[in-house]
Amino acid sequence: MATANKVSVIPCGAMSADLTWLLLKPGRSITDRSHRNDPAPWVDVPTHCVLVETDEGKLLWDTSCPRDWEERWGPTGLQEFFPYDKVSDDEYLDSRLNQLGVGLDEIDYVVLSHLHFDHAGNVRMFENTNAKLICHEREKEFAFGFDGLFTGAHLKTDYEGLAFQTVSGDTDLLPGVKLIETPGHTVGCMSMQVDLPDSGTMIFTSDAVYMGESYGPPATPAAIVNNLEQFYASVEKLRGIQEQTNATMVFGHDAEQIHKLRVAPEGSYT
């Protein structure tokens, strides 16, 4: 079986948000009736990217949030609901790549799990490089096809004018790297499976599964779901792959899990 060589999980700080955005059944302690209308707590919503190194090139999975998030998101109002306010200067993606000693011209593929503002926020960093920009064909069709500047969490300022190559279905992209079609969160949301010689299989769910509590079982959706039936089907598809491969699941925005992973620049998986 072909394998990748190395995976670096790149933590890029965190947004903040009401937990209900991530989990429609918030995991709160049981309360009496005098507290039944209390809102769900605000929580950290970590964001990360993944650098995969193979014999056939380097791949960057997602690009996190931009430095100018407050200004860029201003027209959408998203900065009021998902402020990117838990990030230090050395946690922005450009700083992280510098810490890893990886130049933009060294990255051969930039794969966007989907084109939401917190995953495609830095894709323009690669506009004048040789990196191939890749997303799902249905994601591209939707993200470029709506009228106006934004809809929901798709913001054309992030990606309009860039040339994306597209994939459809489950796609073997590089040795040990498979893109998995997992719609539901968006029409073209993808997850990524990476097979490694020492660490075995890792699955990066992106927003197909926000957090461990979303995964269950039973699976629990978030407030931001384009198609609920597809969401449940995608979660069970990932669960089936995990059972077959004994994969380590890395969820899209899990505030507890990110602190348990071996993260860059100090740690990696081989």
C-alpha atoms as a PDB file:
ATOM      1  CA  MET A   1       0.000   0.000   0.000  1.00  0.00           C
ATOM      2  CA  ALA A   2       1.328   3.426  -0.947  1.00  0.00           C
ATOM      3  CA  THR A   3       1.897   5.768   1.969  1.00  0.00           C
ATOM      4  CA  ALA A   4       2.689   9.395   2.569  1.00  0.00           C
ATOM      5  CA  ASN A   5       5.894  10.284   4.400  1.00  0.00           C
ATOM      6  CA  LYS A   6       4.901  12.836   7.014  1.00  0.00           C
ATOM      7  CA  VAL A   7       1.917  14.769   8.344  1.00  0.00           C
ATOM      8  CA  SER A   8       2.184  18.042  10.252  1.00  0.00           C
ATOM      9  CA  VAL A   9      -0.977  19.300  11.951  1.00  0.00           C
ATOM     10  CA  ILE A  10      -0.674  23.099  11.987  1.00  0.00           C
ATOM     11  CA  PRO A  11      -2.695  24.818  14.745  1.00  0.00           C
ATOM     12  CA  CYS A  12      -3.734  28.352  13.788  1.00  0.00           C
ATOM     13  CA  GLY A  13      -5.319  29.694  16.942  1.00  0.00           C
ATOM     14  CA  ALA A  14      -9.058  29.793  17.469  1.00  0.00           C
ATOM     15  CA  MET A  15     -12.228  31.658  16.794  1.00  0.00           C
ATOM     16  CA  SER A  16     -14.894  32.040  19.491  1.00  0.00           C
ATOM     17  CA  ALA A  17     -18.573  31.195  19.052  1.00  0.00           C
ATOM     18  CA  ASP A  18     -21.750  30.103  20.732  1.00  0.00           C
ATOM     19  CA  LEU A  19     -21.560  26.321  21.146  1.00  0.00           C
ATOM     20  CA  THR A  20     -24.914  25.882  19.435  1.00  0.00           C
ATOM     21  CA  TRP A  21     -23.297  26.736  16.101  1.00  0.00           C
ATOM     22  CA  LEU A  22     -21.206  23.580  16.500  1.00  0.00           C
ATOM     23  CA  LEU A  23     -23.575  21.276  18.322  1.00  0.00           C
ATOM     24  CA  LEU A  24     -27.356  21.408  18.160  1.00  0.00           C
ATOM     25  CA  LYS A  25     -27.551  19.386  21.368  1.00  0.00           C
ATOM     26  CA  PRO A  26     -24.987  21.198  23.566  1.00  0.00           C
ATOM     27  CA  GLY A  27     -23.284  18.973  26.099  1.00  0.00           C
ATOM     28  CA  ARG A  28     -24.329  20.901  29.181  1.00  0.00           C
ATOM     29  CA  SER A  29     -24.960  19.591  32.665  1.00  0.00           C
ATOM     30  CA  ILE A  30     -28.567  18.951  33.646  1.00  0.00           C
ATOM     31  CA  THR A  31     -30.181  22.079  35.058  1.00  0.00           C
ATOM     32  CA  ASP A  32     -33.425  22.849  36.850  1.00  0.00           C
ATOM     33  CA  ARG A  33     -36.285  24.718  35.217  1.00  0.00           C
ATOM     34  CA  SER A  34     -35.119  28.095  36.441  1.00  0.00           C
ATOM     35  CA  HIS A  35     -32.094  27.754  34.112  1.00  0.00           C
ATOM     36  CA  ARG A  36     -33.790  26.112  31.152  1.00  0.00           C
ATOM     37  CA  ASN A  37     -33.544  29.240  28.992  1.00  0.00           C
ATOM     38  CA  ASP A  38     -29.863  29.854  29.659  1.00  0.00           C
ATOM     39  CA  PRO A  39     -27.923  30.131  26.390  1.00  0.00           C
ATOM     40  CA  ALA A  40     -25.257  27.669  25.399  1.00  0.00           C
ATOM     41  CA  PRO A  41     -21.783  28.862  26.430  1.00  0.00           C
ATOM     42  CA  TRP A  42     -19.318  30.525  24.114  1.00  0.00           C
ATOM     43  CA  VAL A  43     -16.411  28.208  23.357  1.00  0.00           C
ATOM     44  CA  ASP A  44     -13.078  28.197  21.555  1.00  0.00           C
ATOM     45  CA  VAL A  45     -13.339  27.058  17.932  1.00  0.00           C
ATOM     46  CA  PRO A  46      -9.802  26.061  16.951  1.00  0.00           C
ATOM     47  CA  THR A  47      -8.723  26.177  13.333  1.00  0.00           C
ATOM     48  CA  HIS A  48      -5.933  24.114  11.797  1.00  0.00           C
ATOM     49  CA  CYS A  49      -4.267  23.246   8.513  1.00  0.00           C
ATOM     50  CA  VAL A  50      -2.403  20.074   7.575  1.00  0.00           C
ATOM     51  CA  LEU A  51       0.857  19.718   5.661  1.00  0.00           C
ATOM     52  CA  VAL A  52       1.293  16.318   3.993  1.00  0.00           C
ATOM     53  CA  GLU A  53       4.665  15.361   2.545  1.00  0.00           C
ATOM     54  CA  THR A  54       4.879  12.609  -0.079  1.00  0.00           C
ATOM     55  CA  ASP A  55       7.360  11.357  -2.667  1.00  0.00           C
ATOM     56  CA  GLU A  56       5.322  13.199  -5.299  1.00  0.00           C
ATOM     57  CA  GLY A  57       5.024  16.566  -3.598  1.00  0.00           C
ATOM     58  CA  LYS A  58       3.781  18.570  -0.626  1.00  0.00           C
ATOM     59  CA  LEU A  59       0.082  19.163   0.004  1.00  0.00           C
ATOM     60  CA  LEU A  60      -1.478  21.806   2.217  1.00  0.00           C
ATOM     61  CA  TRP A  61      -4.981  20.953   3.457  1.00  0.00           C
ATOM     62  CA  ASP A  62      -7.031  24.111   4.115  1.00  0.00           C
ATOM     63  CA  THR A  63      -5.672  27.592   4.801  1.00  0.00           C
ATOM     64  CA  SER A  64      -7.440  28.784   7.999  1.00  0.00           C
ATOM     65  CA  CYS A  65      -8.480  32.396   8.687  1.00  0.00           C
ATOM     66  CA  PRO A  66      -6.793  35.559   7.373  1.00  0.00           C
ATOM     67  CA  ARG A  67      -4.923  38.200   9.356  1.00  0.00           C
ATOM     68  CA  ASP A  68      -7.385  40.876   8.190  1.00  0.00           C
ATOM     69  CA  TRP A  69     -10.395  38.805   9.322  1.00  0.00           C
ATOM     70  CA  GLU A  70     -12.272  41.622  11.021  1.00  0.00           C
ATOM     71  CA  GLU A  71     -12.116  43.929   8.015  1.00  0.00           C
ATOM     72  CA  ARG A  72     -12.653  41.214   5.421  1.00  0.00           C
ATOM     73  CA  TRP A  73     -15.596  39.646   7.214  1.00  0.00           C
ATOM     74  CA  GLY A  74     -17.172  43.054   7.933  1.00  0.00           C
ATOM     75  CA  PRO A  75     -19.686  42.977   5.060  1.00  0.00           C
ATOM     76  CA  THR A  76     -20.941  39.546   6.197  1.00  0.00           C
ATOM     77  CA  GLY A  77     -21.368  40.183   9.931  1.00  0.00           C
ATOM     78  CA  LEU A  78     -19.550  36.890  10.610  1.00  0.00           C
ATOM     79  CA  GLN A  79     -16.962  38.669  12.746  1.00  0.00           C
ATOM     80  CA  GLU A  80     -19.690  39.234  15.351  1.00  0.00           C
ATOM     81  CA  PHE A  81     -20.536  35.531  15.594  1.00  0.00           C
ATOM     82  CA  PHE A  82     -17.130  33.916  14.950  1.00  0.00           C
ATOM     83  CA  PRO A  83     -14.456  36.439  16.009  1.00  0.00           C
ATOM     84  CA  TYR A  84     -10.957  35.132  15.302  1.00  0.00           C
ATOM     85  CA  ASP A  85      -9.810  36.508  18.632  1.00  0.00           C
ATOM     86  CA  LYS A  86      -7.831  33.612  20.120  1.00  0.00           C
ATOM     87  CA  VAL A  87      -4.795  33.844  17.861  1.00  0.00           C
ATOM     88  CA  SER A  88      -1.288  35.188  18.418  1.00  0.00           C
ATOM     89  CA  ASP A  89       0.976  36.591  15.723  1.00  0.00           C
ATOM     90  CA  ASP A  90       2.950  33.358  15.485  1.00  0.00           C
ATOM     91  CA  GLU A  91      -0.215  31.278  14.961  1.00  0.00           C
ATOM     92  CA  TYR A  92      -1.317  32.785  11.639  1.00  0.00           C
ATOM     93  CA  LEU A  93      -0.671  30.453   8.723  1.00  0.00           C
ATOM     94  CA  ASP A  94       2.160  32.473   7.172  1.00  0.00           C
ATOM     95  CA  SER A  95       3.986  32.483  10.525  1.00  0.00           C
ATOM     96  CA  ARG A  96       3.439  28.755  10.962  1.00  0.00           C
ATOM     97  CA  LEU A  97       4.877  27.955   7.537  1.00  0.00           C
ATOM     98  CA  ASN A  98       7.907  30.123   8.326  1.00  0.00           C
ATOM     99  CA  GLN A  99       8.381  28.219  11.593  1.00  0.00           C
ATOM    100  CA  LEU A 100       8.326  24.969   9.618  1.00  0.00           C
ATOM    101  CA  GLY A 101      10.821  26.372   7.120  1.00  0.00           C
ATOM    102  CA  VAL A 102       8.390  25.739   4.264  1.00  0.00           C
ATOM    103  CA  GLY A 103       8.247  28.354   1.523  1.00  0.00           C
ATOM    104  CA  LEU A 104       5.083  28.956  -0.472  1.00  0.00           C
ATOM    105  CA  ASP A 105       6.903  27.803  -3.613  1.00  0.00           C
ATOM    106  CA  GLU A 106       7.563  24.432  -1.976  1.00  0.00           C
ATOM    107  CA  ILE A 107       3.862  23.546  -1.752  1.00  0.00           C
ATOM    108  CA  ASP A 108       2.616  21.675  -4.803  1.00  0.00           C
ATOM    109  CA  TYR A 109      -1.068  21.300  -3.918  1.00  0.00           C
ATOM    110  CA  VAL A 110      -3.447  23.402  -1.835  1.00  0.00           C
ATOM    111  CA  VAL A 111      -6.603  21.391  -1.204  1.00  0.00           C
ATOM    112  CA  LEU A 112      -9.636  23.162   0.240  1.00  0.00           C
ATOM    113  CA  SER A 113     -12.012  20.890   2.126  1.00  0.00           C
ATOM    114  CA  HIS A 114     -14.637  23.531   1.261  1.00  0.00           C
ATOM    115  CA  LEU A 115     -14.620  27.255   0.591  1.00  0.00           C
ATOM    116  CA  HIS A 116     -15.953  28.681   3.845  1.00  0.00           C
ATOM    117  CA  PHE A 117     -14.257  31.784   5.251  1.00  0.00           C
ATOM    118  CA  ASP A 118     -12.323  29.872   7.950  1.00  0.00           C
ATOM    119  CA  HIS A 119     -10.908  27.272   5.556  1.00  0.00           C
ATOM    120  CA  ALA A 120     -10.174  29.316   2.431  1.00  0.00           C
ATOM    121  CA  GLY A 121      -9.129  32.513   4.201  1.00  0.00           C
ATOM    122  CA  ASN A 122      -5.473  32.411   3.104  1.00  0.00           C
ATOM    123  CA  VAL A 123      -5.705  30.678  -0.262  1.00  0.00           C
ATOM    124  CA  ARG A 124      -4.668  33.911  -2.044  1.00  0.00           C
ATOM    125  CA  MET A 125      -1.207  33.445  -0.531  1.00  0.00           C
ATOM    126  CA  PHE A 126      -0.708  30.916  -3.329  1.00  0.00           C
ATOM    127  CA  GLU A 127      -2.073  33.034  -6.188  1.00  0.00           C
ATOM    128  CA  ASN A 128       1.312  33.611  -7.802  1.00  0.00           C
ATOM    129  CA  THR A 129       2.887  30.258  -7.020  1.00  0.00           C
ATOM    130  CA  ASN A 130       2.918  26.975  -8.915  1.00  0.00           C
ATOM    131  CA  ALA A 131       0.641  25.299  -6.383  1.00  0.00           C
ATOM    132  CA  LYS A 132      -2.412  23.564  -7.828  1.00  0.00           C
ATOM    133  CA  LEU A 133      -5.565  24.779  -6.047  1.00  0.00           C
ATOM    134  CA  ILE A 134      -8.091  21.977  -5.638  1.00  0.00           C
ATOM    135  CA  CYS A 135     -11.674  21.746  -4.380  1.00  0.00           C
ATOM    136  CA  HIS A 136     -14.712  19.607  -5.127  1.00  0.00           C
ATOM    137  CA  GLU A 137     -16.508  20.385  -8.396  1.00  0.00           C
ATOM    138  CA  ARG A 138     -19.859  20.992  -6.664  1.00  0.00           C
ATOM    139  CA  GLU A 139     -18.195  23.293  -4.130  1.00  0.00           C
ATOM    140  CA  LYS A 140     -16.660  25.378  -6.898  1.00  0.00           C
ATOM    141  CA  GLU A 141     -19.934  25.534  -8.825  1.00  0.00           C
ATOM    142  CA  PHE A 142     -21.810  26.788  -5.775  1.00  0.00           C
ATOM    143  CA  ALA A 143     -19.133  29.112  -4.368  1.00  0.00           C
ATOM    144  CA  PHE A 144     -18.573  30.911  -7.667  1.00  0.00           C
ATOM    145  CA  GLY A 145     -22.185  30.760  -8.806  1.00  0.00           C
ATOM    146  CA  PHE A 146     -24.263  32.722  -6.310  1.00  0.00           C
ATOM    147  CA  ASP A 147     -25.110  36.400  -6.750  1.00  0.00           C
ATOM    148  CA  GLY A 148     -23.485  39.007  -4.541  1.00  0.00           C
ATOM    149  CA  LEU A 149     -20.383  39.055  -2.361  1.00  0.00           C
ATOM    150  CA  PHE A 150     -21.296  36.340   0.128  1.00  0.00           C
ATOM    151  CA  THR A 151     -23.868  33.810   1.166  1.00  0.00           C
ATOM    152  CA  GLY A 152     -23.700  32.125   4.542  1.00  0.00           C
ATOM    153  CA  ALA A 153     -20.014  31.456   5.219  1.00  0.00           C
ATOM    154  CA  HIS A 154     -18.942  31.583   1.558  1.00  0.00           C
ATOM    155  CA  LEU A 155     -17.159  34.882   0.904  1.00  0.00           C
ATOM    156  CA  LYS A 156     -16.009  35.545  -2.656  1.00  0.00           C
ATOM    157  CA  THR A 157     -13.317  37.939  -1.422  1.00  0.00           C
ATOM    158  CA  ASP A 158     -11.385  34.831  -0.316  1.00  0.00           C
ATOM    159  CA  TYR A 159     -11.264  32.988  -3.622  1.00  0.00           C
ATOM    160  CA  GLU A 160     -12.844  34.836  -6.550  1.00  0.00           C
ATOM    161  CA  GLY A 161     -10.554  35.041  -9.585  1.00  0.00           C
ATOM    162  CA  LEU A 162      -8.404  32.097  -8.541  1.00  0.00           C
ATOM    163  CA  ALA A 163      -8.092  29.074 -10.822  1.00  0.00           C
ATOM    164  CA  PHE A 164      -9.253  25.895  -9.091  1.00  0.00           C
ATOM    165  CA  GLN A 165      -8.907  22.375 -10.374  1.00  0.00           C
ATOM    166  CA  THR A 166     -11.757  20.151  -9.237  1.00  0.00           C
ATOM    167  CA  VAL A 167     -12.307  16.570  -8.170  1.00  0.00           C
ATOM    168  CA  SER A 168     -15.449  14.468  -7.899  1.00  0.00           C
ATOM    169  CA  GLY A 169     -16.071  11.322  -5.910  1.00  0.00           C
ATOM    170  CA  ASP A 170     -13.390   9.771  -3.714  1.00  0.00           C
ATOM    171  CA  THR A 171     -10.052  10.654  -5.288  1.00  0.00           C
ATOM    172  CA  ASP A 172      -6.559   9.211  -4.825  1.00  0.00           C
ATOM    173  CA  LEU A 173      -4.487  12.366  -5.213  1.00  0.00           C
ATOM    174  CA  LEU A 174      -0.971  11.483  -4.047  1.00  0.00           C
ATOM    175  CA  PRO A 175       0.709   8.386  -2.577  1.00  0.00           C
ATOM    176  CA  GLY A 176      -1.181   7.610   0.633  1.00  0.00           C
ATOM    177  CA  VAL A 177      -3.555  10.575   0.213  1.00  0.00           C
ATOM    178  CA  LYS A 178      -7.239  10.157  -0.641  1.00  0.00           C
ATOM    179  CA  LEU A 179      -9.853  12.910  -0.792  1.00  0.00           C
ATOM    180  CA  ILE A 180     -13.200  11.649   0.489  1.00  0.00           C
ATOM    181  CA  GLU A 181     -16.490  13.102  -0.689  1.00  0.00           C
ATOM    182  CA  THR A 182     -18.431  14.040   2.478  1.00  0.00           C
ATOM    183  CA  PRO A 183     -21.175  16.548   1.593  1.00  0.00           C
ATOM    184  CA  GLY A 184     -23.721  17.845   4.053  1.00  0.00           C
ATOM    185  CA  HIS A 185     -21.991  20.737   5.736  1.00  0.00           C
ATOM    186  CA  THR A 186     -21.675  22.229   2.253  1.00  0.00           C
ATOM    187  CA  VAL A 187     -22.577  20.796  -1.136  1.00  0.00           C
ATOM    188  CA  GLY A 188     -18.955  19.868  -1.838  1.00  0.00           C
ATOM    189  CA  CYS A 189     -17.350  19.358   1.558  1.00  0.00           C
ATOM    190  CA  MET A 190     -14.478  16.843   1.558  1.00  0.00           C
ATOM    191  CA  SER A 191     -12.488  14.951   4.163  1.00  0.00           C
ATOM    192  CA  MET A 192      -8.944  13.616   3.706  1.00  0.00           C
ATOM    193  CA  GLN A 193      -7.504  10.186   4.436  1.00  0.00           C
ATOM    194  CA  VAL A 194      -3.739   9.882   4.846  1.00  0.00           C
ATOM    195  CA  ASP A 195      -1.988   6.515   5.222  1.00  0.00           C
ATOM    196  CA  LEU A 196       1.369   6.646   7.015  1.00  0.00           C
ATOM    197  CA  PRO A 197       3.993   3.908   7.552  1.00  0.00           C
ATOM    198  CA  ASP A 198       4.327   4.358  11.333  1.00  0.00           C
ATOM    199  CA  SER A 199       1.160   6.139  12.471  1.00  0.00           C
ATOM    200  CA  GLY A 200      -1.245   4.210  10.274  1.00  0.00           C
ATOM    201  CA  THR A 201      -4.313   5.896   8.818  1.00  0.00           C
ATOM    202  CA  MET A 202      -5.430   9.389   9.781  1.00  0.00           C
ATOM    203  CA  ILE A 203      -8.718  10.940   8.665  1.00  0.00           C
ATOM    204  CA  PHE A 204      -9.102  14.712   8.692  1.00  0.00           C
ATOM    205  CA  THR A 205     -12.836  15.323   8.695  1.00  0.00           C
ATOM    206  CA  SER A 206     -12.897  19.085   8.260  1.00  0.00           C
ATOM    207  CA  ASP A 207     -16.442  20.269   8.923  1.00  0.00           C
ATOM    208  CA  ALA A 208     -18.045  16.993   7.920  1.00  0.00           C
ATOM    209  CA  VAL A 209     -17.577  16.382  11.664  1.00  0.00           C
ATOM    210  CA  TYR A 210     -16.943  19.411  13.852  1.00  0.00           C
ATOM    211  CA  MET A 211     -15.870  17.654  17.056  1.00  0.00           C
ATOM    212  CA  GLY A 212     -15.772  14.338  18.874  1.00  0.00           C
ATOM    213  CA  GLU A 213     -19.159  14.975  20.420  1.00  0.00           C
ATOM    214  CA  SER A 214     -20.578  15.522  16.933  1.00  0.00           C
ATOM    215  CA  TYR A 215     -19.220  12.135  15.817  1.00  0.00           C
ATOM    216  CA  GLY A 216     -20.985  10.181  18.531  1.00  0.00           C
ATOM    217  CA  PRO A 217     -22.510   7.753  17.987  1.00  0.00           C
ATOM    218  CA  PRO A 218     -25.122   8.969  17.566  1.00  0.00           C
ATOM    219  CA  ALA A 219     -23.960  11.715  15.223  1.00  0.00           C
ATOM    220  CA  THR A 220     -25.059  15.213  16.232  1.00  0.00           C
ATOM    221  CA  PRO A 221     -25.335  17.922  13.563  1.00  0.00           C
ATOM    222  CA  ALA A 222     -24.330  21.554  13.825  1.00  0.00           C
ATOM    223  CA  ALA A 223     -26.461  24.569  13.143  1.00  0.00           C
ATOM    224  CA  ILE A 224     -24.579  25.146   9.888  1.00  0.00           C
ATOM    225  CA  VAL A 225     -25.600  22.191   7.717  1.00  0.00           C
ATOM    226  CA  ASN A 226     -26.609  22.524   4.085  1.00  0.00           C
ATOM    227  CA  ASN A 227     -28.238  19.088   3.841  1.00  0.00           C
ATOM    228  CA  LEU A 228     -29.019  17.089   6.976  1.00  0.00           C
ATOM    229  CA  GLU A 229     -29.523  13.766   5.205  1.00  0.00           C
ATOM    230  CA  GLN A 230     -26.153  14.088   3.485  1.00  0.00           C
ATOM    231  CA  PHE A 231     -24.533  15.076   6.792  1.00  0.00           C
ATOM    232  CA  TYR A 232     -25.643  11.861   8.488  1.00  0.00           C
ATOM    233  CA  ALA A 233     -24.645   9.758   5.472  1.00  0.00           C
ATOM    234  CA  SER A 234     -21.180  11.330   5.369  1.00  0.00           C
ATOM    235  CA  VAL A 235     -20.578  10.746   9.077  1.00  0.00           C
ATOM    236  CA  GLU A 236     -21.503   7.088   8.724  1.00  0.00           C
ATOM    237  CA  LYS A 237     -19.313   6.814   5.620  1.00  0.00           C
ATOM    238  CA  LEU A 238     -16.362   8.104   7.644  1.00  0.00           C
ATOM    239  CA  ARG A 239     -17.234   5.771  10.499  1.00  0.00           C
ATOM    240  CA  GLY A 240     -17.149   2.836   8.091  1.00  0.00           C
ATOM    241  CA  ILE A 241     -13.701   3.837   6.812  1.00  0.00           C
ATOM    242  CA  GLN A 242     -12.450   4.244  10.374  1.00  0.00           C
ATOM    243  CA  GLU A 243     -13.675   0.779  11.313  1.00  0.00           C
ATOM    244  CA  GLN A 244     -11.931  -0.729   8.282  1.00  0.00           C
ATOM    245  CA  THR A 245      -8.633   1.101   8.773  1.00  0.00           C
ATOM    246  CA  ASN A 246      -8.515   1.753  12.539  1.00  0.00           C
ATOM    247  CA  ALA A 247      -7.945   5.381  11.586  1.00  0.00           C
ATOM    248  CA  THR A 248      -7.174   8.226  13.951  1.00  0.00           C
ATOM    249  CA  MET A 249      -9.947  10.782  13.475  1.00  0.00           C
ATOM    250  CA  VAL A 250      -8.996  14.456  13.516  1.00  0.00           C
ATOM    251  CA  PHE A 251     -12.093  16.610  13.736  1.00  0.00           C
ATOM    252  CA  GLY A 252     -12.589  20.038  12.206  1.00  0.00           C
ATOM    253  CA  HIS A 253     -12.906  22.273  15.276  1.00  0.00           C
ATOM    254  CA  ASP A 254     -12.456  20.221  18.451  1.00  0.00           C
ATOM    255  CA  ALA A 255     -11.087  22.412  21.249  1.00  0.00           C
ATOM    256  CA  GLU A 256     -10.131  19.443  23.432  1.00  0.00           C
ATOM    257  CA  GLN A 257      -8.621  17.253  20.732  1.00  0.00           C
ATOM    258  CA  ILE A 258      -6.271  19.862  19.282  1.00  0.00           C
ATOM    259  CA  HIS A 259      -4.344  19.924  22.569  1.00  0.00           C
ATOM    260  CA  LYS A 260      -3.900  16.138  22.499  1.00  0.00           C
ATOM    261  CA  LEU A 261      -2.411  15.950  19.022  1.00  0.00           C
ATOM    262  CA  ARG A 262       1.232  16.162  18.032  1.00  0.00           C
ATOM    263  CA  VAL A 263       1.174  19.571  16.429  1.00  0.00           C
ATOM    264  CA  ALA A 264       3.615  21.642  14.419  1.00  0.00           C
ATOM    265  CA  PRO A 265       6.140  23.050  14.572  1.00  0.00           C
ATOM    266  CA  GLU A 266       7.366  20.695  17.313  1.00  0.00           C
ATOM    267  CA  GLY A 267       5.475  17.504  16.487  1.00  0.00           C
ATOM    268  CA  SER A 268       4.460  15.454  13.446  1.00  0.00           C
ATOM    269  CA  TYR A 269       3.263  12.031  12.348  1.00  0.00           C
ATOM    270  CA  THR A 270       5.171   9.589  10.130  1.00  0.00           C
END
